[in-house]
Amino acid sequence: MKINYIKKYSKALGRDMEYKTYGNRGLGVLVFPSQDGRFYDYQDFDMVAVLSSFIDAGQIRLICVDSIDRETWSNASGDEHMRITLHEQWYHYIIDELLPEVSRYKGEMFLATGCSMGGFHAANFFFRRPDIFDTLISLSGIYYASYFMPNYHDPLVYDNSPQDYLANMPDDHPYIDIYRNRNIILCVGQGNWEEELLDSTRKLDALLRSKNISAWVDYWGFDSAHDWVWWRKQIVYFMEKVIREKALSDYVI
């Protein structure tokens, strides 16, 4: 497995940012870390290891990005406008700087994934830019910004709250038809520490169904907890099916 570590200055953030890639062929999988996490967490928690067969076979390559959650969503005592503005700069770093750098060809489509808050980021990026992401695998995600900023609302907060902007998206919005042709996978357990994530997933599930947007929303059992041991099982389970579907459509290059 080819592993690359990259540290590069971001114009959007005005600082150096780090990320790691695993593999150099196949479907590009953009991995968002869980809350306050780092770009190396996916490896440290053995998520890379359980996906290694896909990577070694040239079916996928992982792009594990760094977060700045401690300065944005998690910074409960900070100025809300500054927090959400900084998050938006991070969003543009990912979209405008990092993805063009890791793309193998013009117009390449990516899979977005993450666990817990990484699932929130993955869903938000996917729904904001379905022209870049054709697949979403969100594990134990939460999907509304007010969970992190309950007392502050502005256009940037709204633009980063999938449950809100999807609910208000008109039926003739061009993204609606695009979503209907994308691969949306949401998974959540019903065990320990999943309560709020389960509620948010159910609401997003109902919202997507109300708009006739197909999604595979998988509710795992009452033993399935908010924990890496379950996310390792889930990511392999869903990745196998995504790879099989893409292979059947002759998508994977």
C-alpha atoms as a PDB file:
ATOM      1  CA  MET A   1       0.000   0.000   0.000  1.00  0.00           C
ATOM      2  CA  LYS A   2       1.381   3.362  -1.011  1.00  0.00           C
ATOM      3  CA  ILE A   3       1.058   5.952   1.787  1.00  0.00           C
ATOM      4  CA  ASN A   4       1.715   9.663   1.318  1.00  0.00           C
ATOM      5  CA  TYR A   5       1.873  12.360   3.971  1.00  0.00           C
ATOM      6  CA  ILE A   6       1.327  15.915   2.724  1.00  0.00           C
ATOM      7  CA  LYS A   7       1.750  19.196   4.568  1.00  0.00           C
ATOM      8  CA  LYS A   8       0.946  22.240   2.485  1.00  0.00           C
ATOM      9  CA  TYR A   9       0.027  25.870   2.959  1.00  0.00           C
ATOM     10  CA  SER A  10      -3.671  26.659   2.513  1.00  0.00           C
ATOM     11  CA  LYS A  11      -4.542  30.052   1.083  1.00  0.00           C
ATOM     12  CA  ALA A  12      -8.122  29.705   2.315  1.00  0.00           C
ATOM     13  CA  LEU A  13      -7.030  29.177   5.922  1.00  0.00           C
ATOM     14  CA  GLY A  14      -3.711  31.024   5.929  1.00  0.00           C
ATOM     15  CA  ARG A  15      -1.893  28.126   7.542  1.00  0.00           C
ATOM     16  CA  ASP A  16      -0.278  24.793   6.810  1.00  0.00           C
ATOM     17  CA  MET A  17      -2.678  21.859   6.594  1.00  0.00           C
ATOM     18  CA  GLU A  18      -1.922  18.145   6.661  1.00  0.00           C
ATOM     19  CA  TYR A  19      -3.460  15.038   5.149  1.00  0.00           C
ATOM     20  CA  LYS A  20      -2.561  11.446   4.288  1.00  0.00           C
ATOM     21  CA  THR A  21      -3.432   9.279   1.325  1.00  0.00           C
ATOM     22  CA  TYR A  22      -3.504   5.502   1.177  1.00  0.00           C
ATOM     23  CA  GLY A  23      -3.271   3.850  -2.233  1.00  0.00           C
ATOM     24  CA  ASN A  24      -2.982   5.476  -5.630  1.00  0.00           C
ATOM     25  CA  ARG A  25      -5.716   3.851  -7.727  1.00  0.00           C
ATOM     26  CA  GLY A  26      -9.469   3.373  -7.675  1.00  0.00           C
ATOM     27  CA  LEU A  27     -12.328   5.372  -6.274  1.00  0.00           C
ATOM     28  CA  GLY A  28     -11.253   8.434  -4.309  1.00  0.00           C
ATOM     29  CA  VAL A  29     -12.648   8.213  -0.768  1.00  0.00           C
ATOM     30  CA  LEU A  30     -12.543  11.493   1.135  1.00  0.00           C
ATOM     31  CA  VAL A  31     -12.424  10.696   4.860  1.00  0.00           C
ATOM     32  CA  PHE A  32     -13.460  13.243   7.474  1.00  0.00           C
ATOM     33  CA  PRO A  33     -12.291  12.624  11.063  1.00  0.00           C
ATOM     34  CA  SER A  34     -14.673  12.419  13.988  1.00  0.00           C
ATOM     35  CA  GLN A  35     -15.127  15.418  16.284  1.00  0.00           C
ATOM     36  CA  ASP A  36     -11.859  17.264  17.002  1.00  0.00           C
ATOM     37  CA  GLY A  37     -10.052  14.454  15.212  1.00  0.00           C
ATOM     38  CA  ARG A  38      -6.926  14.435  13.101  1.00  0.00           C
ATOM     39  CA  PHE A  39      -5.992  13.173   9.677  1.00  0.00           C
ATOM     40  CA  TYR A  40      -4.172  10.164  11.165  1.00  0.00           C
ATOM     41  CA  ASP A  41      -7.103   8.897  13.259  1.00  0.00           C
ATOM     42  CA  TYR A  42      -8.464   6.675  10.504  1.00  0.00           C
ATOM     43  CA  GLN A  43      -5.194   4.766  10.550  1.00  0.00           C
ATOM     44  CA  ASP A  44      -4.802   4.802  14.331  1.00  0.00           C
ATOM     45  CA  PHE A  45      -8.289   3.341  14.857  1.00  0.00           C
ATOM     46  CA  ASP A  46      -7.655   0.573  12.293  1.00  0.00           C
ATOM     47  CA  MET A  47     -10.119   1.844   9.701  1.00  0.00           C
ATOM     48  CA  VAL A  48      -7.346   1.828   7.096  1.00  0.00           C
ATOM     49  CA  ALA A  49      -6.438  -1.724   8.111  1.00  0.00           C
ATOM     50  CA  VAL A  50      -9.954  -3.091   7.611  1.00  0.00           C
ATOM     51  CA  LEU A  51     -10.129  -1.407   4.194  1.00  0.00           C
ATOM     52  CA  SER A  52      -6.648  -2.533   3.154  1.00  0.00           C
ATOM     53  CA  SER A  53      -7.877  -5.288   0.838  1.00  0.00           C
ATOM     54  CA  PHE A  54      -9.811  -2.721  -1.228  1.00  0.00           C
ATOM     55  CA  ILE A  55      -6.811  -0.395  -1.262  1.00  0.00           C
ATOM     56  CA  ASP A  56      -4.337  -3.123  -2.215  1.00  0.00           C
ATOM     57  CA  ALA A  57      -6.648  -4.282  -5.011  1.00  0.00           C
ATOM     58  CA  GLY A  58      -6.668  -0.785  -6.471  1.00  0.00           C
ATOM     59  CA  GLN A  59     -10.397  -0.394  -5.891  1.00  0.00           C
ATOM     60  CA  ILE A  60     -10.218   2.614  -3.585  1.00  0.00           C
ATOM     61  CA  ARG A  61      -7.746   5.162  -2.363  1.00  0.00           C
ATOM     62  CA  LEU A  62      -8.272   7.047   0.892  1.00  0.00           C
ATOM     63  CA  ILE A  63      -7.715  10.780   1.335  1.00  0.00           C
ATOM     64  CA  CYS A  64      -7.795  11.454   5.084  1.00  0.00           C
ATOM     65  CA  VAL A  65      -8.159  15.151   5.808  1.00  0.00           C
ATOM     66  CA  ASP A  66      -7.498  17.170   8.938  1.00  0.00           C
ATOM     67  CA  SER A  67     -10.208  18.957  10.913  1.00  0.00           C
ATOM     68  CA  ILE A  68     -10.302  22.286  12.700  1.00  0.00           C
ATOM     69  CA  ASP A  69     -13.385  21.404  14.775  1.00  0.00           C
ATOM     70  CA  ARG A  70     -11.795  22.601  18.011  1.00  0.00           C
ATOM     71  CA  GLU A  71     -11.804  26.128  16.585  1.00  0.00           C
ATOM     72  CA  THR A  72     -15.223  25.936  14.952  1.00  0.00           C
ATOM     73  CA  TRP A  73     -18.054  23.575  15.889  1.00  0.00           C
ATOM     74  CA  SER A  74     -16.582  22.474  19.231  1.00  0.00           C
ATOM     75  CA  ASN A  75     -15.524  25.938  20.410  1.00  0.00           C
ATOM     76  CA  ALA A  76     -18.672  26.539  22.468  1.00  0.00           C
ATOM     77  CA  SER A  77     -17.263  29.631  24.204  1.00  0.00           C
ATOM     78  CA  GLY A  78     -16.069  31.285  20.997  1.00  0.00           C
ATOM     79  CA  ASP A  79     -17.734  33.938  18.884  1.00  0.00           C
ATOM     80  CA  GLU A  80     -20.267  32.121  16.712  1.00  0.00           C
ATOM     81  CA  HIS A  81     -19.769  34.274  13.620  1.00  0.00           C
ATOM     82  CA  MET A  82     -16.011  33.783  13.756  1.00  0.00           C
ATOM     83  CA  ARG A  83     -16.482  30.029  14.273  1.00  0.00           C
ATOM     84  CA  ILE A  84     -18.765  29.506  11.290  1.00  0.00           C
ATOM     85  CA  THR A  85     -16.676  31.826   9.087  1.00  0.00           C
ATOM     86  CA  LEU A  86     -13.584  29.769   9.869  1.00  0.00           C
ATOM     87  CA  HIS A  87     -15.469  26.568   9.139  1.00  0.00           C
ATOM     88  CA  GLU A  88     -16.474  27.975   5.744  1.00  0.00           C
ATOM     89  CA  GLN A  89     -12.828  28.749   5.008  1.00  0.00           C
ATOM     90  CA  TRP A  90     -12.012  25.114   5.842  1.00  0.00           C
ATOM     91  CA  TYR A  91     -14.816  24.018   3.505  1.00  0.00           C
ATOM     92  CA  HIS A  92     -13.241  26.039   0.682  1.00  0.00           C
ATOM     93  CA  TYR A  93      -9.812  24.629   1.532  1.00  0.00           C
ATOM     94  CA  ILE A  94     -11.192  21.116   0.983  1.00  0.00           C
ATOM     95  CA  ILE A  95     -13.212  21.942  -2.138  1.00  0.00           C
ATOM     96  CA  ASP A  96     -10.979  24.466  -3.880  1.00  0.00           C
ATOM     97  CA  GLU A  97      -7.490  23.366  -2.836  1.00  0.00           C
ATOM     98  CA  LEU A  98      -7.264  19.801  -1.572  1.00  0.00           C
ATOM     99  CA  LEU A  99      -9.608  17.990  -3.952  1.00  0.00           C
ATOM    100  CA  PRO A 100      -8.108  19.503  -7.121  1.00  0.00           C
ATOM    101  CA  GLU A 101      -4.696  18.499  -5.806  1.00  0.00           C
ATOM    102  CA  VAL A 102      -5.630  14.840  -5.254  1.00  0.00           C
ATOM    103  CA  SER A 103      -7.840  14.447  -8.327  1.00  0.00           C
ATOM    104  CA  ARG A 104      -6.407  12.090 -10.935  1.00  0.00           C
ATOM    105  CA  TYR A 105      -8.398  13.580 -13.809  1.00  0.00           C
ATOM    106  CA  LYS A 106     -10.745  16.466 -14.491  1.00  0.00           C
ATOM    107  CA  GLY A 107     -14.275  15.777 -13.339  1.00  0.00           C
ATOM    108  CA  GLU A 108     -13.368  12.916 -11.014  1.00  0.00           C
ATOM    109  CA  MET A 109     -16.168  12.057  -8.578  1.00  0.00           C
ATOM    110  CA  PHE A 110     -15.479  11.190  -4.947  1.00  0.00           C
ATOM    111  CA  LEU A 111     -17.050   9.214  -2.134  1.00  0.00           C
ATOM    112  CA  ALA A 112     -17.453  11.172   1.121  1.00  0.00           C
ATOM    113  CA  THR A 113     -17.393   9.319   4.421  1.00  0.00           C
ATOM    114  CA  GLY A 114     -16.876   9.817   8.122  1.00  0.00           C
ATOM    115  CA  CYS A 115     -17.953   8.624  11.546  1.00  0.00           C
ATOM    116  CA  SER A 116     -19.869  10.696  14.106  1.00  0.00           C
ATOM    117  CA  MET A 117     -19.048  14.344  13.357  1.00  0.00           C
ATOM    118  CA  GLY A 118     -17.110  13.076  10.375  1.00  0.00           C
ATOM    119  CA  GLY A 119     -20.472  11.810   9.169  1.00  0.00           C
ATOM    120  CA  PHE A 120     -21.895  15.316   9.574  1.00  0.00           C
ATOM    121  CA  HIS A 121     -19.065  16.774   7.498  1.00  0.00           C
ATOM    122  CA  ALA A 122     -19.340  14.053   4.852  1.00  0.00           C
ATOM    123  CA  ALA A 123     -23.086  14.588   4.467  1.00  0.00           C
ATOM    124  CA  ASN A 124     -22.746  18.364   4.388  1.00  0.00           C
ATOM    125  CA  PHE A 125     -20.069  18.273   1.692  1.00  0.00           C
ATOM    126  CA  PHE A 126     -22.007  15.673  -0.287  1.00  0.00           C
ATOM    127  CA  PHE A 127     -25.293  17.579  -0.249  1.00  0.00           C
ATOM    128  CA  ARG A 128     -23.635  20.932  -0.917  1.00  0.00           C
ATOM    129  CA  ARG A 129     -21.594  19.610  -3.840  1.00  0.00           C
ATOM    130  CA  PRO A 130     -23.254  16.647  -5.550  1.00  0.00           C
ATOM    131  CA  ASP A 131     -21.338  17.642  -8.663  1.00  0.00           C
ATOM    132  CA  ILE A 132     -18.160  16.481  -6.911  1.00  0.00           C
ATOM    133  CA  PHE A 133     -19.426  13.629  -4.725  1.00  0.00           C
ATOM    134  CA  ASP A 134     -21.459  10.779  -6.140  1.00  0.00           C
ATOM    135  CA  THR A 135     -21.523   8.595  -3.009  1.00  0.00           C
ATOM    136  CA  LEU A 136     -22.026   9.209   0.695  1.00  0.00           C
ATOM    137  CA  ILE A 137     -21.363   6.766   3.528  1.00  0.00           C
ATOM    138  CA  SER A 138     -22.175   8.517   6.794  1.00  0.00           C
ATOM    139  CA  LEU A 139     -21.815   6.464   9.969  1.00  0.00           C
ATOM    140  CA  SER A 140     -23.492   7.717  13.159  1.00  0.00           C
ATOM    141  CA  GLY A 141     -23.793  11.241  11.802  1.00  0.00           C
ATOM    142  CA  ILE A 142     -25.802  14.206  12.998  1.00  0.00           C
ATOM    143  CA  TYR A 143     -27.258  16.481  10.369  1.00  0.00           C
ATOM    144  CA  TYR A 144     -28.258  19.857  11.791  1.00  0.00           C
ATOM    145  CA  ALA A 145     -25.984  22.765  12.719  1.00  0.00           C
ATOM    146  CA  SER A 146     -28.011  23.971  15.705  1.00  0.00           C
ATOM    147  CA  TYR A 147     -26.770  20.952  17.650  1.00  0.00           C
ATOM    148  CA  PHE A 148     -23.430  22.777  17.814  1.00  0.00           C
ATOM    149  CA  MET A 149     -24.690  26.383  17.703  1.00  0.00           C
ATOM    150  CA  PRO A 150     -28.100  26.336  19.424  1.00  0.00           C
ATOM    151  CA  ASN A 151     -28.312  30.075  20.006  1.00  0.00           C
ATOM    152  CA  TYR A 152     -26.924  31.497  16.801  1.00  0.00           C
ATOM    153  CA  HIS A 153     -28.258  31.532  13.253  1.00  0.00           C
ATOM    154  CA  ASP A 154     -26.962  33.232  10.121  1.00  0.00           C
ATOM    155  CA  PRO A 155     -26.730  32.336   6.410  1.00  0.00           C
ATOM    156  CA  LEU A 156     -23.455  30.446   6.851  1.00  0.00           C
ATOM    157  CA  VAL A 157     -24.887  28.313   9.642  1.00  0.00           C
ATOM    158  CA  TYR A 158     -27.877  27.557   7.428  1.00  0.00           C
ATOM    159  CA  ASP A 159     -25.625  26.658   4.502  1.00  0.00           C
ATOM    160  CA  ASN A 160     -23.923  24.053   6.704  1.00  0.00           C
ATOM    161  CA  SER A 161     -27.068  22.454   8.116  1.00  0.00           C
ATOM    162  CA  PRO A 162     -28.261  19.688   5.773  1.00  0.00           C
ATOM    163  CA  GLN A 163     -31.573  19.095   7.522  1.00  0.00           C
ATOM    164  CA  ASP A 164     -32.434  22.761   7.138  1.00  0.00           C
ATOM    165  CA  TYR A 165     -31.343  23.513   3.590  1.00  0.00           C
ATOM    166  CA  LEU A 166     -32.692  20.216   2.274  1.00  0.00           C
ATOM    167  CA  ALA A 167     -36.061  20.819   3.929  1.00  0.00           C
ATOM    168  CA  ASN A 168     -36.340  24.200   2.199  1.00  0.00           C
ATOM    169  CA  MET A 169     -34.964  23.108  -1.172  1.00  0.00           C
ATOM    170  CA  PRO A 170     -37.723  23.491  -3.788  1.00  0.00           C
ATOM    171  CA  ASP A 171     -38.712  20.457  -5.829  1.00  0.00           C
ATOM    172  CA  ASP A 172     -37.483  22.102  -9.024  1.00  0.00           C
ATOM    173  CA  HIS A 173     -34.013  22.790  -7.654  1.00  0.00           C
ATOM    174  CA  PRO A 174     -31.492  21.136 -10.022  1.00  0.00           C
ATOM    175  CA  TYR A 175     -29.809  19.342  -7.122  1.00  0.00           C
ATOM    176  CA  ILE A 176     -32.934  17.296  -6.404  1.00  0.00           C
ATOM    177  CA  ASP A 177     -32.593  15.276  -9.610  1.00  0.00           C
ATOM    178  CA  ILE A 178     -28.860  14.953  -9.042  1.00  0.00           C
ATOM    179  CA  TYR A 179     -29.442  13.535  -5.552  1.00  0.00           C
ATOM    180  CA  ARG A 180     -31.862  11.019  -7.035  1.00  0.00           C
ATOM    181  CA  ASN A 181     -29.011   9.685  -9.164  1.00  0.00           C
ATOM    182  CA  ARG A 182     -26.483   9.528  -6.358  1.00  0.00           C
ATOM    183  CA  ASN A 183     -25.646   6.764  -3.872  1.00  0.00           C
ATOM    184  CA  ILE A 184     -26.659   7.847  -0.363  1.00  0.00           C
ATOM    185  CA  ILE A 185     -25.906   5.565   2.587  1.00  0.00           C
ATOM    186  CA  LEU A 186     -26.710   6.576   6.166  1.00  0.00           C
ATOM    187  CA  CYS A 187     -26.066   4.160   9.004  1.00  0.00           C
ATOM    188  CA  VAL A 188     -26.647   4.460  12.730  1.00  0.00           C
ATOM    189  CA  GLY A 189     -26.784   2.031  15.620  1.00  0.00           C
ATOM    190  CA  GLN A 190     -29.464   1.878  18.267  1.00  0.00           C
ATOM    191  CA  GLY A 191     -27.116   1.158  21.163  1.00  0.00           C
ATOM    192  CA  ASN A 192     -25.115   3.225  23.629  1.00  0.00           C
ATOM    193  CA  TRP A 193     -24.409   6.890  22.810  1.00  0.00           C
ATOM    194  CA  GLU A 194     -26.355   6.783  19.547  1.00  0.00           C
ATOM    195  CA  GLU A 195     -29.579   8.394  20.777  1.00  0.00           C
ATOM    196  CA  GLU A 196     -29.190  11.892  19.299  1.00  0.00           C
ATOM    197  CA  LEU A 197     -27.587  10.529  16.137  1.00  0.00           C
ATOM    198  CA  LEU A 198     -30.440   8.043  15.745  1.00  0.00           C
ATOM    199  CA  ASP A 199     -33.039  10.793  16.052  1.00  0.00           C
ATOM    200  CA  SER A 200     -31.261  13.002  13.506  1.00  0.00           C
ATOM    201  CA  THR A 201     -30.850  10.094  11.081  1.00  0.00           C
ATOM    202  CA  ARG A 202     -34.549   9.289  11.300  1.00  0.00           C
ATOM    203  CA  LYS A 203     -35.426  12.892  10.529  1.00  0.00           C
ATOM    204  CA  LEU A 204     -33.089  13.024   7.532  1.00  0.00           C
ATOM    205  CA  ASP A 205     -34.463   9.675   6.364  1.00  0.00           C
ATOM    206  CA  ALA A 206     -38.023  11.042   6.450  1.00  0.00           C
ATOM    207  CA  LEU A 207     -36.934  14.252   4.734  1.00  0.00           C
ATOM    208  CA  LEU A 208     -35.269  12.432   1.856  1.00  0.00           C
ATOM    209  CA  ARG A 209     -38.266  10.150   1.402  1.00  0.00           C
ATOM    210  CA  SER A 210     -40.589  13.169   1.326  1.00  0.00           C
ATOM    211  CA  LYS A 211     -38.574  14.488  -1.626  1.00  0.00           C
ATOM    212  CA  ASN A 212     -38.484  11.134  -3.381  1.00  0.00           C
ATOM    213  CA  ILE A 213     -34.709  10.910  -2.979  1.00  0.00           C
ATOM    214  CA  SER A 214     -33.604   7.307  -2.649  1.00  0.00           C
ATOM    215  CA  ALA A 215     -31.261   6.515   0.222  1.00  0.00           C
ATOM    216  CA  TRP A 216     -30.150   3.373   1.980  1.00  0.00           C
ATOM    217  CA  VAL A 217     -30.747   4.201   5.632  1.00  0.00           C
ATOM    218  CA  ASP A 218     -29.611   1.271   7.745  1.00  0.00           C
ATOM    219  CA  TYR A 219     -30.505   1.078  11.434  1.00  0.00           C
ATOM    220  CA  TRP A 220     -28.264  -1.414  13.172  1.00  0.00           C
ATOM    221  CA  GLY A 221     -29.220  -3.245  16.351  1.00  0.00           C
ATOM    222  CA  PHE A 222     -29.445  -2.248  19.980  1.00  0.00           C
ATOM    223  CA  ASP A 223     -25.967  -3.685  20.543  1.00  0.00           C
ATOM    224  CA  SER A 224     -24.503  -1.338  17.927  1.00  0.00           C
ATOM    225  CA  ALA A 225     -22.856   1.493  19.876  1.00  0.00           C
ATOM    226  CA  HIS A 226     -21.241   4.806  18.980  1.00  0.00           C
ATOM    227  CA  ASP A 227     -17.780   3.315  18.806  1.00  0.00           C
ATOM    228  CA  TRP A 228     -14.965   2.427  16.433  1.00  0.00           C
ATOM    229  CA  VAL A 229     -15.486  -1.307  16.852  1.00  0.00           C
ATOM    230  CA  TRP A 230     -18.858  -0.895  15.112  1.00  0.00           C
ATOM    231  CA  TRP A 231     -17.674   1.640  12.555  1.00  0.00           C
ATOM    232  CA  ARG A 232     -14.975  -0.796  11.429  1.00  0.00           C
ATOM    233  CA  LYS A 233     -17.648  -3.408  10.728  1.00  0.00           C
ATOM    234  CA  GLN A 234     -19.968  -0.930   9.041  1.00  0.00           C
ATOM    235  CA  ILE A 235     -17.448   0.642   6.685  1.00  0.00           C
ATOM    236  CA  VAL A 236     -16.380  -2.757   5.320  1.00  0.00           C
ATOM    237  CA  TYR A 237     -20.002  -3.870   4.949  1.00  0.00           C
ATOM    238  CA  PHE A 238     -21.017  -0.799   2.965  1.00  0.00           C
ATOM    239  CA  MET A 239     -17.782  -0.399   1.013  1.00  0.00           C
ATOM    240  CA  GLU A 240     -18.073  -3.951  -0.303  1.00  0.00           C
ATOM    241  CA  LYS A 241     -21.496  -3.134  -1.702  1.00  0.00           C
ATOM    242  CA  VAL A 242     -20.425   0.216  -3.164  1.00  0.00           C
ATOM    243  CA  ILE A 243     -17.428  -1.368  -4.886  1.00  0.00           C
ATOM    244  CA  ARG A 244     -19.552  -4.214  -6.231  1.00  0.00           C
ATOM    245  CA  GLU A 245     -22.125  -1.779  -7.617  1.00  0.00           C
ATOM    246  CA  LYS A 246     -19.485   0.427  -9.203  1.00  0.00           C
ATOM    247  CA  ALA A 247     -17.725  -2.594 -10.690  1.00  0.00           C
ATOM    248  CA  LEU A 248     -20.983  -3.752 -12.240  1.00  0.00           C
ATOM    249  CA  SER A 249     -21.452  -0.320 -13.796  1.00  0.00           C
ATOM    250  CA  ASP A 250     -17.830  -0.397 -15.018  1.00  0.00           C
ATOM    251  CA  TYR A 251     -17.155   2.744 -12.966  1.00  0.00           C
ATOM    252  CA  VAL A 252     -13.962   1.955 -11.083  1.00  0.00           C
ATOM    253  CA  ILE A 253     -10.851   2.935 -13.010  1.00  0.00           C
END
